[in-house]
Amino acid sequence: MLIKYKKSFEKIAMGLLSFMPDEKEVKKLQTTIKEYETNDKWQLFLWKDEDVLGALGIRFEDETMVVQHISVTPSHRNQGIGNDMVKALKDQFEEQYHICGDDKTKDFFDQCD
């Protein structure tokens, strides 16, 4: 289930985002989380089954929702969780926004669904 990020999930979200190639450095990761917490044009969602297993971050550009982060815990990869997160995002927002990936997520995003 896709849930909106809350401050109480900060450590989990930072752990998940740290799997993204550009988010390895702690200061960069802290800046990214701060941006999700303070910028109205950025939203972070978490994928929760029994535990939080994935993160999906988007930014709004006019009527477009751009997926800029997709991450799944290594022990749960290749089980369709990334695809499920993208599908849930589309199911929830596709009528309101054009949804696409950015340069880093486009290839994965395009193969989903």
N, C-alpha and C. Protein backbone atom coordinates (compact mmCIF):
# COMPACT_ATOMS: atom_id res chain seq x y z
N MET A 1 0.85 -1.17 0.00
CA MET A 1 0.00 0.00 0.00
C MET A 1 0.89 1.24 0.00
N LEU A 2 0.57 2.19 -0.84
CA LEU A 2 1.30 3.45 -0.95
C LEU A 2 0.79 4.42 0.11
N ILE A 3 1.69 4.91 0.96
CA ILE A 3 1.30 5.87 2.00
C ILE A 3 2.17 7.11 1.88
N LYS A 4 1.63 8.25 2.30
CA LYS A 4 2.39 9.49 2.29
C LYS A 4 3.45 9.47 3.39
N TYR A 5 4.60 10.02 3.07
CA TYR A 5 5.70 10.15 4.02
C TYR A 5 5.29 11.02 5.20
N LYS A 6 5.70 10.60 6.39
CA LYS A 6 5.56 11.39 7.60
C LYS A 6 6.92 11.46 8.27
N LYS A 7 7.15 12.50 9.03
CA LYS A 7 8.43 12.70 9.72
C LYS A 7 8.81 11.48 10.56
N SER A 8 7.85 10.76 11.10
CA SER A 8 8.14 9.59 11.93
C SER A 8 8.81 8.46 11.12
N PHE A 9 8.74 8.53 9.79
CA PHE A 9 9.38 7.55 8.91
C PHE A 9 10.71 8.03 8.35
N GLU A 10 11.24 9.12 8.91
CA GLU A 10 12.44 9.75 8.34
C GLU A 10 13.61 8.79 8.18
N LYS A 11 13.96 8.04 9.22
CA LYS A 11 15.12 7.14 9.14
C LYS A 11 14.91 6.04 8.10
N ILE A 12 13.71 5.50 8.06
CA ILE A 12 13.39 4.46 7.08
C ILE A 12 13.49 5.04 5.67
N ALA A 13 12.91 6.22 5.47
CA ALA A 13 12.94 6.87 4.15
C ALA A 13 14.37 7.18 3.72
N MET A 14 15.18 7.68 4.65
CA MET A 14 16.57 7.97 4.32
C MET A 14 17.32 6.69 3.95
N GLY A 15 17.05 5.61 4.66
CA GLY A 15 17.67 4.33 4.33
C GLY A 15 17.30 3.86 2.94
N LEU A 16 16.02 3.98 2.60
CA LEU A 16 15.56 3.57 1.28
C LEU A 16 16.14 4.46 0.18
N LEU A 17 16.12 5.76 0.38
CA LEU A 17 16.65 6.67 -0.63
C LEU A 17 18.16 6.52 -0.81
N SER A 18 18.84 6.06 0.25
CA SER A 18 20.30 5.89 0.15
C SER A 18 20.69 4.81 -0.86
N PHE A 19 19.74 3.98 -1.30
CA PHE A 19 20.02 2.99 -2.33
C PHE A 19 20.05 3.61 -3.73
N MET A 20 19.57 4.85 -3.85
CA MET A 20 19.62 5.54 -5.14
C MET A 20 21.06 6.00 -5.37
N PRO A 21 21.58 5.84 -6.59
CA PRO A 21 22.99 6.17 -6.85
C PRO A 21 23.39 7.60 -6.46
N ASP A 22 22.52 8.58 -6.66
CA ASP A 22 22.87 9.97 -6.37
C ASP A 22 22.61 10.37 -4.92
N GLU A 23 22.15 9.45 -4.10
CA GLU A 23 21.78 9.76 -2.72
C GLU A 23 22.67 9.05 -1.69
N LYS A 24 23.84 8.64 -2.09
CA LYS A 24 24.73 7.89 -1.19
C LYS A 24 25.33 8.76 -0.09
N GLU A 25 25.67 10.00 -0.42
CA GLU A 25 26.30 10.91 0.54
C GLU A 25 25.28 11.41 1.56
N VAL A 26 25.62 11.37 2.84
CA VAL A 26 24.68 11.70 3.92
C VAL A 26 24.14 13.13 3.79
N LYS A 27 24.99 14.10 3.51
CA LYS A 27 24.53 15.49 3.39
C LYS A 27 23.53 15.65 2.24
N LYS A 28 23.78 14.99 1.13
CA LYS A 28 22.87 15.03 -0.02
C LYS A 28 21.54 14.39 0.36
N LEU A 29 21.61 13.29 1.04
CA LEU A 29 20.41 12.57 1.49
C LEU A 29 19.59 13.43 2.45
N GLN A 30 20.24 14.09 3.38
CA GLN A 30 19.54 14.98 4.32
C GLN A 30 18.88 16.14 3.59
N THR A 31 19.57 16.67 2.59
CA THR A 31 19.01 17.77 1.79
C THR A 31 17.77 17.28 1.03
N THR A 32 17.84 16.08 0.48
CA THR A 32 16.70 15.52 -0.26
C THR A 32 15.50 15.32 0.66
N ILE A 33 15.71 14.73 1.82
CA ILE A 33 14.61 14.53 2.78
C ILE A 33 14.01 15.86 3.20
N LYS A 34 14.86 16.85 3.47
CA LYS A 34 14.39 18.19 3.85
C LYS A 34 13.52 18.78 2.74
N GLU A 35 13.94 18.57 1.50
CA GLU A 35 13.17 19.07 0.35
C GLU A 35 11.78 18.42 0.31
N TYR A 36 11.71 17.11 0.56
CA TYR A 36 10.42 16.42 0.60
C TYR A 36 9.55 16.94 1.74
N GLU A 37 10.16 17.34 2.83
CA GLU A 37 9.41 17.83 3.99
C GLU A 37 8.93 19.26 3.83
N THR A 38 9.64 20.07 3.05
CA THR A 38 9.34 21.50 3.01
C THR A 38 8.82 22.03 1.67
N ASN A 39 9.10 21.34 0.59
CA ASN A 39 8.72 21.82 -0.74
C ASN A 39 7.37 21.24 -1.14
N ASP A 40 6.39 22.09 -1.37
CA ASP A 40 5.05 21.64 -1.75
C ASP A 40 5.03 20.92 -3.10
N LYS A 41 6.05 21.14 -3.91
CA LYS A 41 6.09 20.52 -5.24
C LYS A 41 6.79 19.15 -5.22
N TRP A 42 7.23 18.71 -4.07
CA TRP A 42 7.85 17.40 -3.90
C TRP A 42 7.01 16.58 -2.94
N GLN A 43 6.78 15.31 -3.25
CA GLN A 43 6.08 14.40 -2.33
C GLN A 43 6.78 13.05 -2.31
N LEU A 44 6.88 12.50 -1.13
CA LEU A 44 7.49 11.19 -0.97
C LEU A 44 6.42 10.22 -0.48
N PHE A 45 6.38 9.05 -1.11
CA PHE A 45 5.46 8.00 -0.72
C PHE A 45 6.29 6.78 -0.30
N LEU A 46 5.75 6.02 0.63
CA LEU A 46 6.40 4.80 1.07
C LEU A 46 5.49 3.62 0.75
N TRP A 47 6.09 2.49 0.44
CA TRP A 47 5.33 1.28 0.17
C TRP A 47 5.35 0.43 1.43
N LYS A 48 4.18 0.24 2.01
CA LYS A 48 4.08 -0.49 3.27
C LYS A 48 3.28 -1.75 3.06
N ASP A 49 3.90 -2.87 3.39
CA ASP A 49 3.23 -4.16 3.45
C ASP A 49 3.10 -4.40 4.95
N GLU A 50 3.79 -5.34 5.50
CA GLU A 50 3.88 -5.42 6.96
C GLU A 50 4.91 -4.41 7.44
N ASP A 51 5.98 -4.28 6.66
CA ASP A 51 7.02 -3.30 6.92
C ASP A 51 7.07 -2.32 5.75
N VAL A 52 7.81 -1.24 5.92
CA VAL A 52 8.04 -0.32 4.81
C VAL A 52 9.14 -0.92 3.95
N LEU A 53 8.81 -1.18 2.68
CA LEU A 53 9.73 -1.89 1.79
C LEU A 53 10.23 -1.05 0.64
N GLY A 54 9.61 0.11 0.39
CA GLY A 54 10.01 0.91 -0.76
C GLY A 54 9.67 2.37 -0.59
N ALA A 55 10.28 3.18 -1.44
CA ALA A 55 10.02 4.62 -1.46
C ALA A 55 9.88 5.07 -2.90
N LEU A 56 8.99 6.02 -3.11
CA LEU A 56 8.76 6.59 -4.43
C LEU A 56 8.61 8.09 -4.24
N GLY A 57 9.50 8.85 -4.85
CA GLY A 57 9.47 10.31 -4.71
C GLY A 57 9.10 10.98 -6.02
N ILE A 58 8.23 11.97 -5.93
CA ILE A 58 7.78 12.68 -7.13
C ILE A 58 7.95 14.19 -6.94
N ARG A 59 7.97 14.87 -8.07
CA ARG A 59 7.89 16.33 -8.05
C ARG A 59 6.86 16.75 -9.08
N PHE A 60 6.18 17.85 -8.77
CA PHE A 60 5.14 18.37 -9.66
C PHE A 60 5.74 19.42 -10.57
N GLU A 61 5.43 19.33 -11.84
CA GLU A 61 5.79 20.34 -12.84
C GLU A 61 4.52 20.62 -13.64
N ASP A 62 3.83 21.68 -13.28
CA ASP A 62 2.54 22.03 -13.89
C ASP A 62 1.57 20.86 -13.73
N GLU A 63 1.07 20.29 -14.84
CA GLU A 63 0.14 19.16 -14.75
C GLU A 63 0.85 17.82 -14.87
N THR A 64 2.14 17.82 -14.63
CA THR A 64 2.93 16.60 -14.75
C THR A 64 3.47 16.21 -13.38
N MET A 65 3.42 14.92 -13.11
CA MET A 65 3.99 14.35 -11.90
C MET A 65 5.21 13.54 -12.36
N VAL A 66 6.39 13.97 -11.96
CA VAL A 66 7.64 13.34 -12.40
C VAL A 66 8.18 12.45 -11.29
N VAL A 67 8.33 11.17 -11.57
CA VAL A 67 8.90 10.23 -10.61
C VAL A 67 10.41 10.42 -10.64
N GLN A 68 10.97 10.86 -9.49
CA GLN A 68 12.41 11.13 -9.45
C GLN A 68 13.18 10.18 -8.54
N HIS A 69 12.49 9.43 -7.70
CA HIS A 69 13.13 8.42 -6.85
C HIS A 69 12.25 7.16 -6.82
N ILE A 70 12.86 6.02 -7.02
CA ILE A 70 12.20 4.72 -6.82
C ILE A 70 13.23 3.82 -6.16
N SER A 71 12.88 3.29 -5.02
CA SER A 71 13.82 2.44 -4.31
C SER A 71 13.07 1.35 -3.53
N VAL A 72 13.64 0.16 -3.54
CA VAL A 72 13.09 -0.99 -2.81
C VAL A 72 14.23 -1.60 -2.00
N THR A 73 13.92 -2.05 -0.79
CA THR A 73 14.95 -2.70 0.02
C THR A 73 15.57 -3.84 -0.77
N PRO A 74 16.89 -3.99 -0.70
CA PRO A 74 17.57 -5.04 -1.49
C PRO A 74 17.00 -6.44 -1.28
N SER A 75 16.60 -6.77 -0.07
CA SER A 75 16.09 -8.12 0.20
C SER A 75 14.70 -8.37 -0.39
N HIS A 76 14.05 -7.32 -0.90
CA HIS A 76 12.72 -7.48 -1.49
C HIS A 76 12.67 -7.10 -2.97
N ARG A 77 13.84 -6.95 -3.57
CA ARG A 77 13.88 -6.60 -5.00
C ARG A 77 13.50 -7.80 -5.86
N ASN A 78 13.12 -7.50 -7.09
CA ASN A 78 12.73 -8.52 -8.07
C ASN A 78 11.48 -9.29 -7.65
N GLN A 79 10.64 -8.64 -6.87
CA GLN A 79 9.37 -9.24 -6.45
C GLN A 79 8.17 -8.42 -6.94
N GLY A 80 8.44 -7.41 -7.78
CA GLY A 80 7.37 -6.60 -8.34
C GLY A 80 6.94 -5.42 -7.49
N ILE A 81 7.66 -5.13 -6.41
CA ILE A 81 7.26 -4.03 -5.53
C ILE A 81 7.39 -2.67 -6.23
N GLY A 82 8.47 -2.47 -6.96
CA GLY A 82 8.64 -1.22 -7.71
C GLY A 82 7.50 -1.02 -8.70
N ASN A 83 7.16 -2.06 -9.42
CA ASN A 83 6.05 -2.02 -10.36
C ASN A 83 4.73 -1.74 -9.63
N ASP A 84 4.54 -2.37 -8.49
CA ASP A 84 3.32 -2.14 -7.70
C ASP A 84 3.22 -0.69 -7.23
N MET A 85 4.37 -0.10 -6.85
CA MET A 85 4.36 1.31 -6.42
C MET A 85 3.96 2.23 -7.56
N VAL A 86 4.53 1.99 -8.74
CA VAL A 86 4.19 2.81 -9.91
C VAL A 86 2.72 2.64 -10.27
N LYS A 87 2.23 1.41 -10.25
CA LYS A 87 0.82 1.14 -10.57
C LYS A 87 -0.10 1.86 -9.57
N ALA A 88 0.23 1.79 -8.28
CA ALA A 88 -0.59 2.45 -7.27
C ALA A 88 -0.58 3.96 -7.46
N LEU A 89 0.57 4.52 -7.83
CA LEU A 89 0.66 5.95 -8.08
C LEU A 89 -0.23 6.33 -9.27
N LYS A 90 -0.14 5.54 -10.33
CA LYS A 90 -0.98 5.80 -11.51
C LYS A 90 -2.46 5.67 -11.18
N ASP A 91 -2.82 4.63 -10.44
CA ASP A 91 -4.23 4.43 -10.08
C ASP A 91 -4.77 5.62 -9.29
N GLN A 92 -3.94 6.18 -8.44
CA GLN A 92 -4.38 7.27 -7.57
C GLN A 92 -4.38 8.63 -8.26
N PHE A 93 -3.43 8.86 -9.21
CA PHE A 93 -3.25 10.22 -9.72
C PHE A 93 -3.36 10.38 -11.24
N GLU A 94 -3.48 9.30 -11.98
CA GLU A 94 -3.43 9.39 -13.45
C GLU A 94 -4.52 10.26 -14.06
N GLU A 95 -5.67 10.35 -13.41
CA GLU A 95 -6.74 11.19 -13.95
C GLU A 95 -6.45 12.68 -13.77
N GLN A 96 -5.60 13.02 -12.80
CA GLN A 96 -5.28 14.41 -12.51
C GLN A 96 -3.99 14.89 -13.17
N TYR A 97 -3.03 13.98 -13.36
CA TYR A 97 -1.71 14.36 -13.83
C TYR A 97 -1.20 13.43 -14.91
N HIS A 98 -0.35 13.98 -15.77
CA HIS A 98 0.46 13.14 -16.65
C HIS A 98 1.61 12.67 -15.77
N ILE A 99 1.88 11.37 -15.72
CA ILE A 99 2.92 10.81 -14.86
C ILE A 99 4.03 10.24 -15.72
N CYS A 100 5.28 10.60 -15.39
CA CYS A 100 6.41 10.11 -16.15
C CYS A 100 7.64 10.00 -15.24
N GLY A 101 8.68 9.36 -15.74
CA GLY A 101 9.94 9.28 -15.02
C GLY A 101 10.86 10.40 -15.46
N ASP A 102 11.89 10.67 -14.66
CA ASP A 102 12.91 11.65 -15.06
C ASP A 102 14.07 10.88 -15.72
N ASP A 103 15.19 11.57 -15.94
CA ASP A 103 16.33 10.93 -16.60
C ASP A 103 16.80 9.67 -15.88
N LYS A 104 16.70 9.66 -14.54
CA LYS A 104 17.22 8.54 -13.75
C LYS A 104 16.21 7.40 -13.60
N THR A 105 14.92 7.72 -13.65
CA THR A 105 13.89 6.70 -13.39
C THR A 105 13.10 6.31 -14.63
N LYS A 106 13.30 7.02 -15.74
CA LYS A 106 12.50 6.81 -16.94
C LYS A 106 12.51 5.36 -17.43
N ASP A 107 13.70 4.75 -17.51
CA ASP A 107 13.78 3.38 -18.03
C ASP A 107 12.96 2.42 -17.18
N PHE A 108 13.11 2.51 -15.85
CA PHE A 108 12.34 1.63 -14.98
C PHE A 108 10.84 1.96 -15.08
N PHE A 109 10.52 3.25 -15.01
CA PHE A 109 9.12 3.69 -15.07
C PHE A 109 8.43 3.18 -16.34
N ASP A 110 9.13 3.32 -17.49
CA ASP A 110 8.54 2.92 -18.77
C ASP A 110 8.29 1.42 -18.88
N GLN A 111 9.05 0.61 -18.15
CA GLN A 111 8.83 -0.84 -18.24
C GLN A 111 7.76 -1.33 -17.26
N CYS A 112 7.29 -0.46 -16.41
CA CYS A 112 6.23 -0.84 -15.44
C CYS A 112 4.88 -0.89 -16.14
N ASP A 113 4.00 -1.73 -15.59
CA ASP A 113 2.60 -1.82 -16.01
C ASP A 113 2.40 -2.66 -17.17
